[in-house]
Structures are given as C-alpha cells and as structure tokens.
Amino acid sequence: MREPFLMLGAMFAALGMCFGAFGAHGLKGRLGESLATWETAVFYQLIHALAVVAVAVLIRSGTPLPGLRTVGWLFCVGILLFSGSLYVLALGGPPWFGPITPVGGVAMVAGWLWLAWVAARSARSARSARSARSARSARSGGGA
C-alpha cells in the first residue's frame, strides 16, 4: 500500500462515530464529569479524521505539495496520542496517561502548521515559475 491516508482517515472517522455513540448511549450515566473528556476526544478525532481524508484526496489528485505525507502522519499520531489518551483517562485509566495528551495535541498543531508551510512553499514556487516563464517570454519577444 503506497498511501494509507484515505483508509486511515475513514477508519478514524468510523471509530470516532462509534465512540461518540458509545459515549452518548453506553457511558452517559457511568462517566459523570469524565463524559466531557470523552466528548472532547471524539470531537478532535473526527475533525482530524476528516483532515487525514483531505490529505489523502490532495495526494491522490496529484497536487504537487511535497511534505503532505508528513502532515498526514502528524494528524494520525495526534489522533492516537491525544484522543487515545483522553479515552483512557475518561474510562479511569492510570493518571500517567495525562502527560501523553498534550504530546498528541502538539502533533495535531504541528500538522496544521506543516500544512500551512507546505501551502506557502507551494504558492511561492508557483509564483517563481510564473515569473520565470514571463521573463523567458519577454526575452524571446513572445506574449504581446
């Protein structure tokens, strides 16, 4: 498998839907205040699952954005660490899972920042290419 992001994004989204339904129906009376933690995990998992799917669509469309795979992996790691640790904590898991949550959050933020950098670099490259074509066209007397 050369590019796993569509499958991973779809799986994260499906699991997020299942975990959301489980939290709303199966855990509602059992978690108490931890239900909000569970819901936060579901929310960020679903948002970033869609982001992983978007990365897959961009890659498969042939959009020339070097670094896009890094964005996808950062989002995937972020989902696993951020949402995963929150699920464990909400279910009463050991408190040492607490410090894992911000590491996942940093991975998610890093994914968005990396995407912004990739997009900015791509836009700069496109402008440079247009500029070079215009200069060549002007030197050769073409274009006007």
Protein backbone atom coordinates (compact mmCIF):
# COMPACT_ATOMS: atom_id res chain seq x y z
CA MET A 1 0.00 0.00 0.00
CA ARG A 2 1.69 3.18 -1.13
CA GLU A 3 -0.57 5.75 0.50
CA PRO A 4 -2.64 4.73 3.55
CA PHE A 5 -4.29 8.04 4.44
CA LEU A 6 -7.72 7.52 2.87
CA MET A 7 -8.10 4.21 4.69
CA LEU A 8 -6.72 5.62 7.96
CA GLY A 9 -8.92 8.72 7.80
CA ALA A 10 -12.00 6.63 7.09
CA MET A 11 -11.18 4.24 9.95
CA PHE A 12 -10.57 7.11 12.39
CA ALA A 13 -13.87 8.69 11.32
CA ALA A 14 -15.81 5.43 11.71
CA LEU A 15 -14.26 4.79 15.12
CA GLY A 16 -14.99 8.38 16.14
CA MET A 17 -18.65 7.89 15.24
CA CYS A 18 -18.75 4.62 17.18
CA PHE A 19 -17.00 6.13 20.21
CA GLY A 20 -19.34 9.13 20.09
CA ALA A 21 -22.41 6.90 20.05
CA PHE A 22 -20.94 4.68 22.78
CA GLY A 23 -20.26 7.73 24.93
CA ALA A 24 -23.72 9.19 24.39
CA HIS A 25 -25.61 5.97 24.97
CA GLY A 26 -23.44 3.46 26.78
CA LEU A 27 -21.36 5.63 29.05
CA LYS A 28 -23.64 8.60 29.74
CA GLY A 29 -24.66 7.53 33.24
CA ARG A 30 -21.33 5.94 34.10
CA LEU A 31 -18.69 8.56 33.34
CA GLY A 32 -20.08 11.56 35.21
CA GLU A 33 -17.76 14.53 34.67
CA SER A 34 -15.44 12.39 32.54
CA LEU A 35 -18.07 12.38 29.81
CA ALA A 36 -16.85 15.84 28.76
CA THR A 37 -13.33 14.40 28.38
CA TRP A 38 -14.73 11.58 26.24
CA GLU A 39 -16.64 14.06 24.06
CA THR A 40 -13.50 16.18 23.59
CA ALA A 41 -11.62 13.09 22.40
CA VAL A 42 -14.39 12.25 19.93
CA PHE A 43 -14.58 15.84 18.63
CA TYR A 44 -10.86 16.15 17.90
CA GLN A 45 -10.70 12.64 16.47
CA LEU A 46 -13.48 13.38 13.99
CA ILE A 47 -12.04 16.74 12.91
CA HIS A 48 -8.61 15.26 12.33
CA ALA A 49 -10.00 12.14 10.65
CA LEU A 50 -11.53 14.47 8.05
CA ALA A 51 -8.20 16.28 7.78
CA VAL A 52 -6.48 12.94 7.10
CA VAL A 53 -9.05 12.21 4.38
CA ALA A 54 -8.38 15.66 2.87
CA VAL A 55 -4.64 14.91 2.84
CA ALA A 56 -5.38 11.65 1.02
CA VAL A 57 -7.51 13.46 -1.56
CA LEU A 58 -4.77 16.03 -2.19
CA ILE A 59 -2.13 13.32 -2.56
CA ARG A 60 -4.29 11.25 -4.89
CA SER A 61 -5.18 14.28 -7.01
CA GLY A 62 -1.53 14.67 -7.90
CA THR A 63 -1.31 18.10 -6.30
CA PRO A 64 2.43 18.81 -6.11
CA LEU A 65 2.76 19.53 -2.39
CA PRO A 66 5.97 17.99 -1.03
CA GLY A 67 5.60 17.41 2.69
CA LEU A 68 1.93 16.45 2.56
CA ARG A 69 2.62 12.92 3.80
CA THR A 70 4.28 14.39 6.89
CA VAL A 71 1.07 16.34 7.54
CA GLY A 72 -0.96 13.13 7.31
CA TRP A 73 1.32 11.27 9.71
CA LEU A 74 1.29 14.14 12.21
CA PHE A 75 -2.51 14.12 12.21
CA CYS A 76 -2.60 10.33 12.66
CA VAL A 77 -0.12 10.39 15.54
CA GLY A 78 -2.05 13.28 17.06
CA ILE A 79 -5.32 11.34 16.94
CA LEU A 80 -3.76 8.29 18.54
CA LEU A 81 -1.99 10.17 21.32
CA PHE A 82 -4.45 12.99 22.02
CA SER A 83 -7.80 11.26 21.62
CA GLY A 84 -6.45 7.87 22.67
CA SER A 85 -5.09 9.16 25.96
CA LEU A 86 -8.31 11.07 26.66
CA TYR A 87 -10.38 7.92 26.10
CA VAL A 88 -8.19 6.01 28.55
CA LEU A 89 -8.37 8.82 31.12
CA ALA A 90 -12.15 9.14 30.78
CA LEU A 91 -12.50 5.42 31.46
CA GLY A 92 -10.48 5.77 34.66
CA GLY A 93 -7.11 4.70 33.28
CA PRO A 94 -3.85 5.44 35.04
CA PRO A 95 -3.05 9.12 35.52
CA TRP A 96 0.30 8.79 33.73
CA PHE A 97 -1.72 8.94 30.50
CA GLY A 98 -2.33 12.64 31.27
CA PRO A 99 1.06 13.84 30.02
CA ILE A 100 0.54 11.97 26.73
CA THR A 101 -2.45 14.14 25.80
CA PRO A 102 -0.51 17.36 25.15
CA VAL A 103 2.04 15.47 23.04
CA GLY A 104 -0.84 14.42 20.78
CA GLY A 105 -2.15 17.97 20.74
CA VAL A 106 1.27 19.24 19.71
CA ALA A 107 1.32 16.69 16.87
CA MET A 108 -2.07 17.94 15.68
CA VAL A 109 -1.00 21.59 15.79
CA ALA A 110 2.28 20.68 14.10
CA GLY A 111 0.28 19.03 11.33
CA TRP A 112 -1.70 22.22 10.70
CA LEU A 113 1.44 24.37 10.81
CA TRP A 114 3.26 21.97 8.48
CA LEU A 115 0.30 22.15 6.09
CA ALA A 116 0.47 25.96 6.16
CA TRP A 117 4.22 25.79 5.43
CA VAL A 118 3.68 23.31 2.58
CA ALA A 119 0.98 25.54 1.09
CA ALA A 120 3.09 28.70 1.42
CA ARG A 121 6.10 26.98 -0.13
CA SER A 122 3.93 25.72 -2.98
CA ALA A 123 2.47 29.18 -3.62
CA ARG A 124 5.97 30.71 -3.62
CA SER A 125 7.18 28.04 -6.08
CA ALA A 126 4.20 28.68 -8.36
CA ARG A 127 4.86 32.44 -8.35
CA SER A 128 8.54 31.85 -9.12
CA ALA A 129 7.65 29.54 -12.01
CA ARG A 130 5.20 32.11 -13.46
CA SER A 131 7.80 34.84 -13.10
CA ALA A 132 10.44 32.75 -14.88
CA ARG A 133 8.02 31.96 -17.73
CA SER A 134 7.14 35.65 -18.09
CA ALA A 135 10.82 36.61 -18.20
CA ARG A 136 11.58 33.98 -20.85
CA SER A 137 8.57 35.08 -22.87
CA ALA A 138 9.63 38.76 -22.68
CA ARG A 139 13.21 37.92 -23.75
CA SER A 140 12.02 35.87 -26.68
CA GLY A 141 9.61 38.60 -27.79
CA GLY A 142 6.54 36.43 -27.38
CA GLY A 143 3.41 37.05 -25.44
CA ALA A 144 2.42 40.52 -26.58
